[in-house]
Amino acid sequence: MEKRSPIFDEVSKRTSPFIKRKVALSFAISERILDILEYRGISQADLARMMGKSESEISKWMSGVHNFTSETIAKIEVALDENILMMAQGYRHKPASVRK
C-alpha cells in the first residue's frame, strides 16, 4: 500500500464535503461517458464530431473535473443515445446520506 503525502492529507482535511462530493460526481459522470465510448467503440474525436465540438473541449470534459450542466449531459445523452445519469423515476424511498 502506498503511503500518502502529508500535504495530500492536509489538503484533504481542509476540503469541504461539498467540494469532495462535487469532484466525485464529476469523475463519476466522465467515467460513465468514457465507459459508453469504449463499449460502443467511439473515440473522443468521434464524440466531438457528433456534437460539433472540438476534440480539446471533449478532452477537458473527460478530465474528471469539468462541471457538467444538465444541458451538457442531455446533449451527450442524445449524441450517444445512452443514459448518462440513471435515476429512479417514480420511486419514493427514505432519503440516504451522500456522506461516506
PDB file of N, CA and C in Angstrom:
ATOM      1  N   MET A   1       0.846  -1.175   0.000  1.00  0.00           N
ATOM      2  CA  MET A   1       0.000   0.000   0.000  1.00  0.00           C
ATOM      3  C   MET A   1       0.893   1.239   0.000  1.00  0.00           C
ATOM      4  N   GLU A   2       0.578   2.173  -0.896  1.00  0.00           N
ATOM      5  CA  GLU A   2       1.369   3.391  -0.991  1.00  0.00           C
ATOM      6  C   GLU A   2       1.065   4.330   0.160  1.00  0.00           C
ATOM      7  N   LYS A   3       2.118   4.978   0.621  1.00  0.00           N
ATOM      8  CA  LYS A   3       1.959   5.960   1.688  1.00  0.00           C
ATOM      9  C   LYS A   3       1.592   7.301   1.051  1.00  0.00           C
ATOM     10  N   ARG A   4       0.562   7.944   1.608  1.00  0.00           N
ATOM     11  CA  ARG A   4       0.140   9.238   1.077  1.00  0.00           C
ATOM     12  C   ARG A   4       1.014  10.346   1.639  1.00  0.00           C
ATOM     13  N   SER A   5       1.083  11.395   0.869  1.00  0.00           N
ATOM     14  CA  SER A   5       1.840  12.574   1.257  1.00  0.00           C
ATOM     15  C   SER A   5       1.132  13.304   2.392  1.00  0.00           C
ATOM     16  N   PRO A   6       1.886  13.814   3.367  1.00  0.00           N
ATOM     17  CA  PRO A   6       1.267  14.626   4.424  1.00  0.00           C
ATOM     18  C   PRO A   6       0.564  15.866   3.854  1.00  0.00           C
ATOM     19  N   ILE A   7       1.077  16.377   2.754  1.00  0.00           N
ATOM     20  CA  ILE A   7       0.454  17.541   2.114  1.00  0.00           C
ATOM     21  C   ILE A   7      -0.929  17.152   1.593  1.00  0.00           C
ATOM     22  N   PHE A   8      -1.018  15.973   0.962  1.00  0.00           N
ATOM     23  CA  PHE A   8      -2.311  15.487   0.475  1.00  0.00           C
ATOM     24  C   PHE A   8      -3.293  15.365   1.627  1.00  0.00           C
ATOM     25  N   ASP A   9      -2.846  14.783   2.731  1.00  0.00           N
ATOM     26  CA  ASP A   9      -3.723  14.609   3.889  1.00  0.00           C
ATOM     27  C   ASP A   9      -4.206  15.951   4.430  1.00  0.00           C
ATOM     28  N   GLU A  10      -3.331  16.938   4.459  1.00  0.00           N
ATOM     29  CA  GLU A  10      -3.696  18.262   4.967  1.00  0.00           C
ATOM     30  C   GLU A  10      -4.712  18.938   4.043  1.00  0.00           C
ATOM     31  N   VAL A  11      -4.473  18.859   2.745  1.00  0.00           N
ATOM     32  CA  VAL A  11      -5.409  19.453   1.787  1.00  0.00           C
ATOM     33  C   VAL A  11      -6.762  18.756   1.884  1.00  0.00           C
ATOM     34  N   SER A  12      -6.745  17.448   2.019  1.00  0.00           N
ATOM     35  CA  SER A  12      -7.988  16.686   2.132  1.00  0.00           C
ATOM     36  C   SER A  12      -8.786  17.099   3.370  1.00  0.00           C
ATOM     37  N   LYS A  13      -8.105  17.317   4.473  1.00  0.00           N
ATOM     38  CA  LYS A  13      -8.777  17.747   5.707  1.00  0.00           C
ATOM     39  C   LYS A  13      -9.456  19.099   5.535  1.00  0.00           C
ATOM     40  N   ARG A  14      -8.832  19.967   4.753  1.00  0.00           N
ATOM     41  CA  ARG A  14      -9.337  21.328   4.587  1.00  0.00           C
ATOM     42  C   ARG A  14     -10.396  21.447   3.483  1.00  0.00           C
ATOM     43  N   THR A  15     -10.574  20.400   2.724  1.00  0.00           N
ATOM     44  CA  THR A  15     -11.540  20.432   1.629  1.00  0.00           C
ATOM     45  C   THR A  15     -12.935  20.141   2.170  1.00  0.00           C
ATOM     46  N   SER A  16     -13.865  20.993   1.795  1.00  0.00           N
ATOM     47  CA  SER A  16     -15.233  20.857   2.315  1.00  0.00           C
ATOM     48  C   SER A  16     -15.911  19.605   1.757  1.00  0.00           C
ATOM     49  N   PRO A  17     -16.871  19.069   2.501  1.00  0.00           N
ATOM     50  CA  PRO A  17     -17.631  17.915   1.995  1.00  0.00           C
ATOM     51  C   PRO A  17     -18.315  18.221   0.656  1.00  0.00           C
ATOM     52  N   PHE A  18     -18.770  19.458   0.471  1.00  0.00           N
ATOM     53  CA  PHE A  18     -19.406  19.849  -0.791  1.00  0.00           C
ATOM     54  C   PHE A  18     -18.441  19.692  -1.959  1.00  0.00           C
ATOM     55  N   ILE A  19     -17.231  20.219  -1.815  1.00  0.00           N
ATOM     56  CA  ILE A  19     -16.236  20.134  -2.895  1.00  0.00           C
ATOM     57  C   ILE A  19     -15.870  18.680  -3.160  1.00  0.00           C
ATOM     58  N   LYS A  20     -15.690  17.903  -2.107  1.00  0.00           N
ATOM     59  CA  LYS A  20     -15.368  16.482  -2.289  1.00  0.00           C
ATOM     60  C   LYS A  20     -16.469  15.780  -3.075  1.00  0.00           C
ATOM     61  N   ARG A  21     -17.725  16.070  -2.745  1.00  0.00           N
ATOM     62  CA  ARG A  21     -18.853  15.435  -3.426  1.00  0.00           C
ATOM     63  C   ARG A  21     -18.946  15.896  -4.871  1.00  0.00           C
ATOM     64  N   LYS A  22     -18.733  17.192  -5.100  1.00  0.00           N
ATOM     65  CA  LYS A  22     -18.783  17.748  -6.449  1.00  0.00           C
ATOM     66  C   LYS A  22     -17.738  17.089  -7.347  1.00  0.00           C
ATOM     67  N   VAL A  23     -16.528  16.943  -6.838  1.00  0.00           N
ATOM     68  CA  VAL A  23     -15.455  16.309  -7.607  1.00  0.00           C
ATOM     69  C   VAL A  23     -15.785  14.838  -7.867  1.00  0.00           C
ATOM     70  N   ALA A  24     -16.302  14.154  -6.856  1.00  0.00           N
ATOM     71  CA  ALA A  24     -16.664  12.741  -7.024  1.00  0.00           C
ATOM     72  C   ALA A  24     -17.731  12.576  -8.110  1.00  0.00           C
ATOM     73  N   LEU A  25     -18.719  13.459  -8.124  1.00  0.00           N
ATOM     74  CA  LEU A  25     -19.766  13.392  -9.147  1.00  0.00           C
ATOM     75  C   LEU A  25     -19.211  13.672 -10.542  1.00  0.00           C
ATOM     76  N   SER A  26     -18.324  14.658 -10.650  1.00  0.00           N
ATOM     77  CA  SER A  26     -17.719  14.977 -11.943  1.00  0.00           C
ATOM     78  C   SER A  26     -16.939  13.788 -12.489  1.00  0.00           C
ATOM     79  N   PHE A  27     -16.164  13.143 -11.609  1.00  0.00           N
ATOM     80  CA  PHE A  27     -15.413  11.963 -12.034  1.00  0.00           C
ATOM     81  C   PHE A  27     -16.361  10.837 -12.437  1.00  0.00           C
ATOM     82  N   ALA A  28     -17.426  10.636 -11.690  1.00  0.00           N
ATOM     83  CA  ALA A  28     -18.377   9.564 -11.998  1.00  0.00           C
ATOM     84  C   ALA A  28     -19.036   9.788 -13.360  1.00  0.00           C
ATOM     85  N   ILE A  29     -19.393  11.024 -13.656  1.00  0.00           N
ATOM     86  CA  ILE A  29     -20.022  11.334 -14.944  1.00  0.00           C
ATOM     87  C   ILE A  29     -19.045  11.096 -16.085  1.00  0.00           C
ATOM     88  N   SER A  30     -17.817  11.604 -15.946  1.00  0.00           N
ATOM     89  CA  SER A  30     -16.847  11.419 -17.029  1.00  0.00           C
ATOM     90  C   SER A  30     -16.493   9.943 -17.199  1.00  0.00           C
ATOM     91  N   GLU A  31     -16.403   9.191 -16.106  1.00  0.00           N
ATOM     92  CA  GLU A  31     -16.127   7.756 -16.206  1.00  0.00           C
ATOM     93  C   GLU A  31     -17.266   7.032 -16.919  1.00  0.00           C
ATOM     94  N   ARG A  32     -18.501   7.418 -16.641  1.00  0.00           N
ATOM     95  CA  ARG A  32     -19.660   6.803 -17.307  1.00  0.00           C
ATOM     96  C   ARG A  32     -19.614   7.065 -18.809  1.00  0.00           C
ATOM     97  N   ILE A  33     -19.298   8.297 -19.187  1.00  0.00           N
ATOM     98  CA  ILE A  33     -19.209   8.636 -20.609  1.00  0.00           C
ATOM     99  C   ILE A  33     -18.090   7.838 -21.266  1.00  0.00           C
ATOM    100  N   LEU A  34     -16.935   7.777 -20.619  1.00  0.00           N
ATOM    101  CA  LEU A  34     -15.806   7.021 -21.172  1.00  0.00           C
ATOM    102  C   LEU A  34     -16.143   5.539 -21.314  1.00  0.00           C
ATOM    103  N   ASP A  35     -16.870   4.986 -20.351  1.00  0.00           N
ATOM    104  CA  ASP A  35     -17.296   3.579 -20.442  1.00  0.00           C
ATOM    105  C   ASP A  35     -18.199   3.358 -21.657  1.00  0.00           C
ATOM    106  N   ILE A  36     -19.126   4.289 -21.880  1.00  0.00           N
ATOM    107  CA  ILE A  36     -20.021   4.178 -23.040  1.00  0.00           C
ATOM    108  C   ILE A  36     -19.216   4.258 -24.333  1.00  0.00           C
ATOM    109  N   LEU A  37     -18.297   5.215 -24.400  1.00  0.00           N
ATOM    110  CA  LEU A  37     -17.474   5.362 -25.602  1.00  0.00           C
ATOM    111  C   LEU A  37     -16.697   4.082 -25.884  1.00  0.00           C
ATOM    112  N   GLU A  38     -16.069   3.533 -24.846  1.00  0.00           N
ATOM    113  CA  GLU A  38     -15.276   2.313 -25.018  1.00  0.00           C
ATOM    114  C   GLU A  38     -16.162   1.148 -25.467  1.00  0.00           C
ATOM    115  N   TYR A  39     -17.294   0.973 -24.816  1.00  0.00           N
ATOM    116  CA  TYR A  39     -18.209  -0.121 -25.139  1.00  0.00           C
ATOM    117  C   TYR A  39     -18.696  -0.036 -26.587  1.00  0.00           C
ATOM    118  N   ARG A  40     -18.961   1.179 -27.025  1.00  0.00           N
ATOM    119  CA  ARG A  40     -19.510   1.380 -28.375  1.00  0.00           C
ATOM    120  C   ARG A  40     -18.432   1.557 -29.438  1.00  0.00           C
ATOM    121  N   GLY A  41     -17.158   1.595 -29.026  1.00  0.00           N
ATOM    122  CA  GLY A  41     -16.068   1.770 -29.986  1.00  0.00           C
ATOM    123  C   GLY A  41     -16.026   3.163 -30.585  1.00  0.00           C
ATOM    124  N   ILE A  42     -16.406   4.145 -29.781  1.00  0.00           N
ATOM    125  CA  ILE A  42     -16.435   5.542 -30.221  1.00  0.00           C
ATOM    126  C   ILE A  42     -15.279   6.275 -29.547  1.00  0.00           C
ATOM    127  N   SER A  43     -14.521   7.018 -30.321  1.00  0.00           N
ATOM    128  CA  SER A  43     -13.412   7.790 -29.756  1.00  0.00           C
ATOM    129  C   SER A  43     -13.916   9.149 -29.273  1.00  0.00           C
ATOM    130  N   GLN A  44     -13.082   9.821 -28.494  1.00  0.00           N
ATOM    131  CA  GLN A  44     -13.424  11.177 -28.068  1.00  0.00           C
ATOM    132  C   GLN A  44     -13.513  12.095 -29.284  1.00  0.00           C
ATOM    133  N   ALA A  45     -12.672  11.841 -30.286  1.00  0.00           N
ATOM    134  CA  ALA A  45     -12.727  12.631 -31.524  1.00  0.00           C
ATOM    135  C   ALA A  45     -14.065  12.415 -32.228  1.00  0.00           C
ATOM    136  N   ASP A  46     -14.546  11.163 -32.234  1.00  0.00           N
ATOM    137  CA  ASP A  46     -15.858  10.870 -32.827  1.00  0.00           C
ATOM    138  C   ASP A  46     -16.961  11.625 -32.086  1.00  0.00           C
ATOM    139  N   LEU A  47     -16.906  11.594 -30.748  1.00  0.00           N
ATOM    140  CA  LEU A  47     -17.908  12.302 -29.945  1.00  0.00           C
ATOM    141  C   LEU A  47     -17.870  13.797 -30.245  1.00  0.00           C
ATOM    142  N   ALA A  48     -16.670  14.342 -30.385  1.00  0.00           N
ATOM    143  CA  ALA A  48     -16.533  15.764 -30.711  1.00  0.00           C
ATOM    144  C   ALA A  48     -17.238  16.074 -32.031  1.00  0.00           C
ATOM    145  N   ARG A  49     -17.008  15.237 -33.040  1.00  0.00           N
ATOM    146  CA  ARG A  49     -17.664  15.445 -34.340  1.00  0.00           C
ATOM    147  C   ARG A  49     -19.186  15.309 -34.214  1.00  0.00           C
ATOM    148  N   MET A  50     -19.637  14.322 -33.457  1.00  0.00           N
ATOM    149  CA  MET A  50     -21.075  14.096 -33.285  1.00  0.00           C
ATOM    150  C   MET A  50     -21.763  15.292 -32.634  1.00  0.00           C
ATOM    151  N   MET A  51     -21.009  15.996 -31.773  1.00  0.00           N
ATOM    152  CA  MET A  51     -21.597  17.100 -31.015  1.00  0.00           C
ATOM    153  C   MET A  51     -21.243  18.470 -31.575  1.00  0.00           C
ATOM    154  N   GLY A  52     -20.402  18.510 -32.618  1.00  0.00           N
ATOM    155  CA  GLY A  52     -19.979  19.794 -33.170  1.00  0.00           C
ATOM    156  C   GLY A  52     -19.057  20.547 -32.230  1.00  0.00           C
ATOM    157  N   LYS A  53     -18.257  19.797 -31.480  1.00  0.00           N
ATOM    158  CA  LYS A  53     -17.320  20.381 -30.512  1.00  0.00           C
ATOM    159  C   LYS A  53     -15.895  20.081 -30.950  1.00  0.00           C
ATOM    160  N   SER A  54     -14.942  20.768 -30.345  1.00  0.00           N
ATOM    161  CA  SER A  54     -13.536  20.472 -30.624  1.00  0.00           C
ATOM    162  C   SER A  54     -13.097  19.271 -29.789  1.00  0.00           C
ATOM    163  N   GLU A  55     -12.089  18.573 -30.296  1.00  0.00           N
ATOM    164  CA  GLU A  55     -11.553  17.439 -29.545  1.00  0.00           C
ATOM    165  C   GLU A  55     -11.018  17.887 -28.194  1.00  0.00           C
ATOM    166  N   SER A  56     -10.419  19.083 -28.152  1.00  0.00           N
ATOM    167  CA  SER A  56      -9.853  19.564 -26.885  1.00  0.00           C
ATOM    168  C   SER A  56     -10.945  19.825 -25.850  1.00  0.00           C
ATOM    169  N   GLU A  57     -12.114  20.278 -26.293  1.00  0.00           N
ATOM    170  CA  GLU A  57     -13.212  20.507 -25.346  1.00  0.00           C
ATOM    171  C   GLU A  57     -13.691  19.183 -24.750  1.00  0.00           C
ATOM    172  N   ILE A  58     -13.844  18.171 -25.591  1.00  0.00           N
ATOM    173  CA  ILE A  58     -14.261  16.856 -25.104  1.00  0.00           C
ATOM    174  C   ILE A  58     -13.208  16.301 -24.152  1.00  0.00           C
ATOM    175  N   SER A  59     -11.951  16.484 -24.479  1.00  0.00           N
ATOM    176  CA  SER A  59     -10.861  16.021 -23.614  1.00  0.00           C
ATOM    177  C   SER A  59     -10.925  16.691 -22.245  1.00  0.00           C
ATOM    178  N   LYS A  60     -11.220  17.977 -22.219  1.00  0.00           N
ATOM    179  CA  LYS A  60     -11.364  18.692 -20.942  1.00  0.00           C
ATOM    180  C   LYS A  60     -12.537  18.126 -20.146  1.00  0.00           C
ATOM    181  N   TRP A  61     -13.637  17.841 -20.839  1.00  0.00           N
ATOM    182  CA  TRP A  61     -14.796  17.257 -20.159  1.00  0.00           C
ATOM    183  C   TRP A  61     -14.430  15.935 -19.507  1.00  0.00           C
ATOM    184  N   MET A  62     -13.614  15.142 -20.199  1.00  0.00           N
ATOM    185  CA  MET A  62     -13.282  13.805 -19.719  1.00  0.00           C
ATOM    186  C   MET A  62     -12.180  13.799 -18.661  1.00  0.00           C
ATOM    187  N   SER A  63     -11.653  14.975 -18.328  1.00  0.00           N
ATOM    188  CA  SER A  63     -10.581  15.064 -17.323  1.00  0.00           C
ATOM    189  C   SER A  63     -11.073  14.711 -15.925  1.00  0.00           C
ATOM    190  N   GLY A  64     -12.380  14.770 -15.726  1.00  0.00           N
ATOM    191  CA  GLY A  64     -12.939  14.424 -14.427  1.00  0.00           C
ATOM    192  C   GLY A  64     -13.214  15.606 -13.524  1.00  0.00           C
ATOM    193  N   VAL A  65     -12.844  16.791 -13.948  1.00  0.00           N
ATOM    194  CA  VAL A  65     -13.086  17.963 -13.105  1.00  0.00           C
ATOM    195  C   VAL A  65     -13.999  18.990 -13.782  1.00  0.00           C
ATOM    196  N   HIS A  66     -14.578  18.616 -14.918  1.00  0.00           N
ATOM    197  CA  HIS A  66     -15.498  19.521 -15.606  1.00  0.00           C
ATOM    198  C   HIS A  66     -16.809  19.610 -14.823  1.00  0.00           C
ATOM    199  N   ASN A  67     -17.362  20.802 -14.719  1.00  0.00           N
ATOM    200  CA  ASN A  67     -18.647  20.998 -14.048  1.00  0.00           C
ATOM    201  C   ASN A  67     -19.758  20.817 -15.083  1.00  0.00           C
ATOM    202  N   PHE A  68     -20.208  19.572 -15.251  1.00  0.00           N
ATOM    203  CA  PHE A  68     -21.241  19.264 -16.237  1.00  0.00           C
ATOM    204  C   PHE A  68     -22.563  19.920 -15.856  1.00  0.00           C
ATOM    205  N   THR A  69     -23.164  20.602 -16.818  1.00  0.00           N
ATOM    206  CA  THR A  69     -24.515  21.129 -16.609  1.00  0.00           C
ATOM    207  C   THR A  69     -25.512  20.069 -17.072  1.00  0.00           C
ATOM    208  N   SER A  70     -26.739  20.202 -16.645  1.00  0.00           N
ATOM    209  CA  SER A  70     -27.765  19.258 -17.103  1.00  0.00           C
ATOM    210  C   SER A  70     -27.943  19.375 -18.616  1.00  0.00           C
ATOM    211  N   GLU A  71     -27.756  20.562 -19.156  1.00  0.00           N
ATOM    212  CA  GLU A  71     -27.865  20.757 -20.606  1.00  0.00           C
ATOM    213  C   GLU A  71     -26.780  19.977 -21.348  1.00  0.00           C
ATOM    214  N   THR A  72     -25.548  20.068 -20.859  1.00  0.00           N
ATOM    215  CA  THR A  72     -24.445  19.345 -21.493  1.00  0.00           C
ATOM    216  C   THR A  72     -24.660  17.842 -21.399  1.00  0.00           C
ATOM    217  N   ILE A  73     -25.090  17.377 -20.237  1.00  0.00           N
ATOM    218  CA  ILE A  73     -25.342  15.946 -20.065  1.00  0.00           C
ATOM    219  C   ILE A  73     -26.435  15.492 -21.030  1.00  0.00           C
ATOM    220  N   ALA A  74     -27.501  16.275 -21.156  1.00  0.00           N
ATOM    221  CA  ALA A  74     -28.589  15.924 -22.078  1.00  0.00           C
ATOM    222  C   ALA A  74     -28.089  15.863 -23.519  1.00  0.00           C
ATOM    223  N   LYS A  75     -27.241  16.806 -23.911  1.00  0.00           N
ATOM    224  CA  LYS A  75     -26.695  16.804 -25.277  1.00  0.00           C
ATOM    225  C   LYS A  75     -25.833  15.567 -25.520  1.00  0.00           C
ATOM    226  N   ILE A  76     -25.036  15.190 -24.532  1.00  0.00           N
ATOM    227  CA  ILE A  76     -24.204  13.989 -24.665  1.00  0.00           C
ATOM    228  C   ILE A  76     -25.092  12.749 -24.750  1.00  0.00           C
ATOM    229  N   GLU A  77     -26.128  12.699 -23.911  1.00  0.00           N
ATOM    230  CA  GLU A  77     -27.052  11.563 -23.939  1.00  0.00           C
ATOM    231  C   GLU A  77     -27.717  11.420 -25.310  1.00  0.00           C
ATOM    232  N   VAL A  78     -28.119  12.525 -25.904  1.00  0.00           N
ATOM    233  CA  VAL A  78     -28.751  12.491 -27.225  1.00  0.00           C
ATOM    234  C   VAL A  78     -27.737  12.041 -28.280  1.00  0.00           C
ATOM    235  N   ALA A  79     -26.528  12.591 -28.220  1.00  0.00           N
ATOM    236  CA  ALA A  79     -25.494  12.231 -29.198  1.00  0.00           C
ATOM    237  C   ALA A  79     -25.157  10.742 -29.135  1.00  0.00           C
ATOM    238  N   LEU A  80     -25.093  10.202 -27.925  1.00  0.00           N
ATOM    239  CA  LEU A  80     -24.717   8.794 -27.751  1.00  0.00           C
ATOM    240  C   LEU A  80     -25.920   7.852 -27.706  1.00  0.00           C
ATOM    241  N   ASP A  81     -27.113   8.409 -27.617  1.00  0.00           N
ATOM    242  CA  ASP A  81     -28.338   7.622 -27.446  1.00  0.00           C
ATOM    243  C   ASP A  81     -28.192   6.668 -26.256  1.00  0.00           C
ATOM    244  N   GLU A  82     -27.685   7.212 -25.173  1.00  0.00           N
ATOM    245  CA  GLU A  82     -27.450   6.454 -23.935  1.00  0.00           C
ATOM    246  C   GLU A  82     -27.769   7.345 -22.743  1.00  0.00           C
ATOM    247  N   ASN A  83     -28.183   6.742 -21.639  1.00  0.00           N
ATOM    248  CA  ASN A  83     -28.364   7.483 -20.392  1.00  0.00           C
ATOM    249  C   ASN A  83     -27.018   7.642 -19.696  1.00  0.00           C
ATOM    250  N   ILE A  84     -26.720   8.858 -19.296  1.00  0.00           N
ATOM    251  CA  ILE A  84     -25.508   9.120 -18.515  1.00  0.00           C
ATOM    252  C   ILE A  84     -25.861   9.010 -17.036  1.00  0.00           C
ATOM    253  N   LEU A  85     -26.899   9.718 -16.646  1.00  0.00           N
ATOM    254  CA  LEU A  85     -27.368   9.678 -15.264  1.00  0.00           C
ATOM    255  C   LEU A  85     -28.567   8.754 -15.191  1.00  0.00           C
ATOM    256  N   MET A  86     -28.502   7.806 -14.300  1.00  0.00           N
ATOM    257  CA  MET A  86     -29.627   6.892 -14.137  1.00  0.00           C
ATOM    258  C   MET A  86     -30.228   7.127 -12.764  1.00  0.00           C
ATOM    259  N   MET A  87     -31.444   7.628 -12.763  1.00  0.00           N
ATOM    260  CA  MET A  87     -32.116   7.942 -11.510  1.00  0.00           C
ATOM    261  C   MET A  87     -33.412   7.166 -11.434  1.00  0.00           C
ATOM    262  N   ALA A  88     -33.788   6.837 -10.226  1.00  0.00           N
ATOM    263  CA  ALA A  88     -35.069   6.165 -10.020  1.00  0.00           C
ATOM    264  C   ALA A  88     -36.175   7.180 -10.266  1.00  0.00           C
ATOM    265  N   GLN A  89     -37.027   6.902 -11.223  1.00  0.00           N
ATOM    266  CA  GLN A  89     -38.140   7.797 -11.523  1.00  0.00           C
ATOM    267  C   GLN A  89     -39.416   7.166 -10.987  1.00  0.00           C
ATOM    268  N   GLY A  90     -40.148   7.942 -10.214  1.00  0.00           N
ATOM    269  CA  GLY A  90     -41.385   7.446  -9.647  1.00  0.00           C
ATOM    270  C   GLY A  90     -41.180   6.528  -8.456  1.00  0.00           C
ATOM    271  N   TYR A  91     -39.976   6.496  -7.956  1.00  0.00           N
ATOM    272  CA  TYR A  91     -39.660   5.634  -6.817  1.00  0.00           C
ATOM    273  C   TYR A  91     -39.435   6.506  -5.599  1.00  0.00           C
ATOM    274  N   ARG A  92     -40.162   6.241  -4.537  1.00  0.00           N
ATOM    275  CA  ARG A  92     -40.005   7.023  -3.309  1.00  0.00           C
ATOM    276  C   ARG A  92     -39.431   6.125  -2.231  1.00  0.00           C
ATOM    277  N   HIS A  93     -38.437   6.649  -1.586  1.00  0.00           N
ATOM    278  CA  HIS A  93     -37.819   5.893  -0.504  1.00  0.00           C
ATOM    279  C   HIS A  93     -37.262   6.868   0.523  1.00  0.00           C
ATOM    280  N   LYS A  94     -36.828   6.327   1.597  1.00  0.00           N
ATOM    281  CA  LYS A  94     -36.225   7.147   2.639  1.00  0.00           C
ATOM    282  C   LYS A  94     -34.920   7.731   2.098  1.00  0.00           C
ATOM    283  N   PRO A  95     -34.739   9.057   2.208  1.00  0.00           N
ATOM    284  CA  PRO A  95     -33.506   9.669   1.728  1.00  0.00           C
ATOM    285  C   PRO A  95     -32.282   9.062   2.409  1.00  0.00           C
ATOM    286  N   ALA A  96     -31.248   8.890   1.626  1.00  0.00           N
ATOM    287  CA  ALA A  96     -29.992   8.355   2.147  1.00  0.00           C
ATOM    288  C   ALA A  96     -28.944   9.456   2.154  1.00  0.00           C
ATOM    289  N   SER A  97     -28.033   9.367   3.058  1.00  0.00           N
ATOM    290  CA  SER A  97     -26.955  10.346   3.167  1.00  0.00           C
ATOM    291  C   SER A  97     -25.990  10.191   2.002  1.00  0.00           C
ATOM    292  N   VAL A  98     -25.455  11.315   1.526  1.00  0.00           N
ATOM    293  CA  VAL A  98     -24.437  11.266   0.484  1.00  0.00           C
ATOM    294  C   VAL A  98     -23.043  11.183   1.089  1.00  0.00           C
ATOM    295  N   ARG A  99     -22.945  11.386   2.377  1.00  0.00           N
ATOM    296  CA  ARG A  99     -21.636  11.322   3.045  1.00  0.00           C
ATOM    297  C   ARG A  99     -21.245   9.885   3.298  1.00  0.00           C
ATOM    298  N   LYS A 100     -19.985   9.638   3.127  1.00  0.00           N
ATOM    299  CA  LYS A 100     -19.470   8.287   3.380  1.00  0.00           C
ATOM    300  C   LYS A 100     -18.312   8.349   4.327  1.00  0.00           C
TER     301      LYS A 100
END
